[in-house]
Every structure is written in structure tokens, then in C-alpha cells.
């Protein structure tokens, strides 16, 4: 699996889902997908934070 352990993949999927990324499992292909129209909201950073 691209040199990653199953544990790493599932941990990353969990983190994506906690961040609000809609991950869906496809039983036919045995894979996860993310809606290609999904866009993460822009972070609200101050000018200092953005330049930091």
C-alpha cells in the first residue's frame, strides 16, 4: 500500500474525517474516495501568522 502500513492509512483517514473531509468507502473497488468538488475552507490567519 504505497509503503504505508494499514494502521497509518486508517489513522490518516480518521484525521481527515475529523477535519471535515468527506471520505467514502467504495465496496466495489475496496478503496476510499474524496468528493472531487470538496474544498477545505481557507484558514483564518492574521497577516503575521500567514507570513510567519
N, C-alpha and C. Protein backbone atom coordinates (compact mmCIF):
# COMPACT_ATOMS: atom_id res chain seq x y z
N UNK A 1 0.83 -1.17 0.00
CA UNK A 1 0.00 0.00 0.00
C UNK A 1 0.88 1.25 0.00
N UNK A 2 1.57 1.49 -1.08
CA UNK A 2 2.42 2.67 -1.22
C UNK A 2 3.46 2.80 -0.11
N UNK A 3 3.88 1.70 0.45
CA UNK A 3 4.88 1.74 1.51
C UNK A 3 4.33 2.18 2.86
N UNK A 4 3.00 2.21 3.01
CA UNK A 4 2.37 2.60 4.26
C UNK A 4 1.73 1.40 4.93
N UNK A 5 1.71 1.42 6.24
CA UNK A 5 1.02 0.35 6.96
C UNK A 5 -0.48 0.63 6.97
N UNK A 6 -1.28 -0.42 7.14
CA UNK A 6 -2.74 -0.25 7.24
C UNK A 6 -3.08 0.70 8.38
N UNK A 7 -2.33 0.56 9.46
CA UNK A 7 -2.58 1.39 10.64
C UNK A 7 -2.42 2.88 10.30
N UNK A 8 -1.38 3.20 9.54
CA UNK A 8 -1.14 4.58 9.14
C UNK A 8 -2.27 5.09 8.25
N UNK A 9 -2.68 4.28 7.30
CA UNK A 9 -3.76 4.68 6.39
C UNK A 9 -5.04 4.96 7.16
N UNK A 10 -5.42 4.07 8.07
CA UNK A 10 -6.65 4.27 8.83
C UNK A 10 -6.54 5.44 9.79
N UNK A 11 -5.36 5.68 10.35
CA UNK A 11 -5.17 6.84 11.22
C UNK A 11 -5.33 8.13 10.40
N UNK A 12 -4.75 8.14 9.20
CA UNK A 12 -4.86 9.32 8.35
C UNK A 12 -6.31 9.56 7.90
N UNK A 13 -7.02 8.49 7.58
CA UNK A 13 -8.43 8.62 7.21
C UNK A 13 -9.24 9.21 8.36
N UNK A 14 -8.97 8.74 9.56
CA UNK A 14 -9.67 9.24 10.75
C UNK A 14 -9.39 10.73 10.94
N UNK A 15 -8.13 11.13 10.76
CA UNK A 15 -7.77 12.54 10.89
C UNK A 15 -8.45 13.40 9.83
N UNK A 16 -8.51 12.90 8.60
CA UNK A 16 -9.20 13.63 7.53
C UNK A 16 -10.68 13.81 7.87
N UNK A 17 -11.31 12.74 8.37
CA UNK A 17 -12.72 12.82 8.72
C UNK A 17 -12.96 13.78 9.88
N UNK A 18 -12.05 13.80 10.86
CA UNK A 18 -12.19 14.73 11.99
C UNK A 18 -12.05 16.17 11.52
N UNK A 19 -11.29 16.38 10.43
CA UNK A 19 -11.11 17.72 9.88
C UNK A 19 -12.28 18.12 8.97
N UNK A 20 -13.24 17.22 8.80
CA UNK A 20 -14.41 17.54 8.00
C UNK A 20 -14.33 17.13 6.54
N UNK A 21 -13.29 16.36 6.20
CA UNK A 21 -13.14 15.90 4.82
C UNK A 21 -14.03 14.67 4.63
N UNK A 22 -14.95 14.71 3.66
CA UNK A 22 -15.86 13.59 3.45
C UNK A 22 -15.19 12.42 2.72
N UNK A 23 -14.75 11.42 3.46
CA UNK A 23 -14.12 10.23 2.89
C UNK A 23 -15.17 9.13 2.80
N UNK A 24 -15.29 8.53 1.63
CA UNK A 24 -16.30 7.49 1.42
C UNK A 24 -15.64 6.20 0.96
N UNK A 25 -16.09 5.09 1.53
CA UNK A 25 -15.57 3.77 1.15
C UNK A 25 -16.40 3.21 0.01
N UNK A 26 -15.73 2.72 -1.03
CA UNK A 26 -16.39 2.10 -2.18
C UNK A 26 -16.20 0.59 -2.07
N UNK A 27 -17.29 -0.13 -1.78
CA UNK A 27 -17.20 -1.59 -1.60
C UNK A 27 -16.78 -2.30 -2.88
N UNK A 28 -17.18 -1.77 -4.03
CA UNK A 28 -16.86 -2.42 -5.30
C UNK A 28 -15.36 -2.41 -5.59
N UNK A 29 -14.70 -1.30 -5.30
CA UNK A 29 -13.27 -1.19 -5.59
C UNK A 29 -12.40 -1.44 -4.36
N UNK A 30 -13.02 -1.43 -3.17
CA UNK A 30 -12.25 -1.61 -1.95
C UNK A 30 -11.35 -0.42 -1.66
N UNK A 31 -11.80 0.77 -2.08
CA UNK A 31 -10.96 1.96 -1.89
C UNK A 31 -11.78 3.11 -1.30
N UNK A 32 -11.07 4.09 -0.81
CA UNK A 32 -11.69 5.29 -0.28
C UNK A 32 -11.56 6.41 -1.30
N UNK A 33 -12.57 7.27 -1.33
CA UNK A 33 -12.53 8.42 -2.22
C UNK A 33 -12.95 9.67 -1.46
N UNK A 34 -12.55 10.79 -2.00
CA UNK A 34 -12.96 12.10 -1.50
C UNK A 34 -13.67 12.78 -2.66
N UNK A 35 -14.81 13.38 -2.39
CA UNK A 35 -15.55 14.08 -3.42
C UNK A 35 -14.63 15.10 -4.10
N UNK A 36 -14.46 15.02 -5.42
CA UNK A 36 -13.54 15.94 -6.10
C UNK A 36 -13.99 17.40 -6.03
N UNK A 37 -15.24 17.65 -5.67
CA UNK A 37 -15.73 19.03 -5.56
C UNK A 37 -15.54 19.60 -4.16
N UNK A 38 -15.05 18.77 -3.23
CA UNK A 38 -14.86 19.23 -1.85
C UNK A 38 -13.66 20.16 -1.77
N UNK A 39 -13.84 21.26 -1.06
CA UNK A 39 -12.76 22.23 -0.86
C UNK A 39 -12.70 22.55 0.63
N UNK A 40 -11.52 22.44 1.21
CA UNK A 40 -11.36 22.84 2.61
C UNK A 40 -11.52 24.34 2.72
N UNK A 41 -12.17 24.82 3.77
CA UNK A 41 -12.28 26.27 3.94
C UNK A 41 -10.90 26.86 4.20
N UNK A 42 -10.72 28.08 3.75
CA UNK A 42 -9.45 28.76 3.96
C UNK A 42 -9.25 29.01 5.45
N UNK A 43 -8.02 28.84 5.94
CA UNK A 43 -7.77 29.10 7.36
C UNK A 43 -7.87 30.60 7.63
N UNK A 44 -8.32 30.93 8.82
CA UNK A 44 -8.40 32.35 9.18
C UNK A 44 -7.13 32.71 9.95
N UNK A 45 -6.17 33.22 9.22
CA UNK A 45 -4.88 33.58 9.80
C UNK A 45 -4.71 35.09 9.77
N UNK A 46 -4.02 35.60 10.77
CA UNK A 46 -3.65 37.01 10.75
C UNK A 46 -2.52 37.19 9.74
N UNK A 47 -2.23 38.42 9.38
CA UNK A 47 -1.13 38.68 8.46
C UNK A 47 0.17 38.14 9.03
N UNK A 48 0.39 38.35 10.33
CA UNK A 48 1.61 37.85 10.99
C UNK A 48 1.71 36.33 10.88
N UNK A 49 0.61 35.63 11.14
CA UNK A 49 0.61 34.17 11.07
C UNK A 49 0.87 33.69 9.65
N UNK A 50 0.26 34.36 8.68
CA UNK A 50 0.44 33.96 7.28
C UNK A 50 1.88 34.15 6.82
N UNK A 51 2.53 35.18 7.31
CA UNK A 51 3.91 35.46 6.92
C UNK A 51 4.92 34.67 7.74
N UNK A 52 4.49 34.19 8.92
CA UNK A 52 5.38 33.52 9.86
C UNK A 52 5.89 32.26 9.38
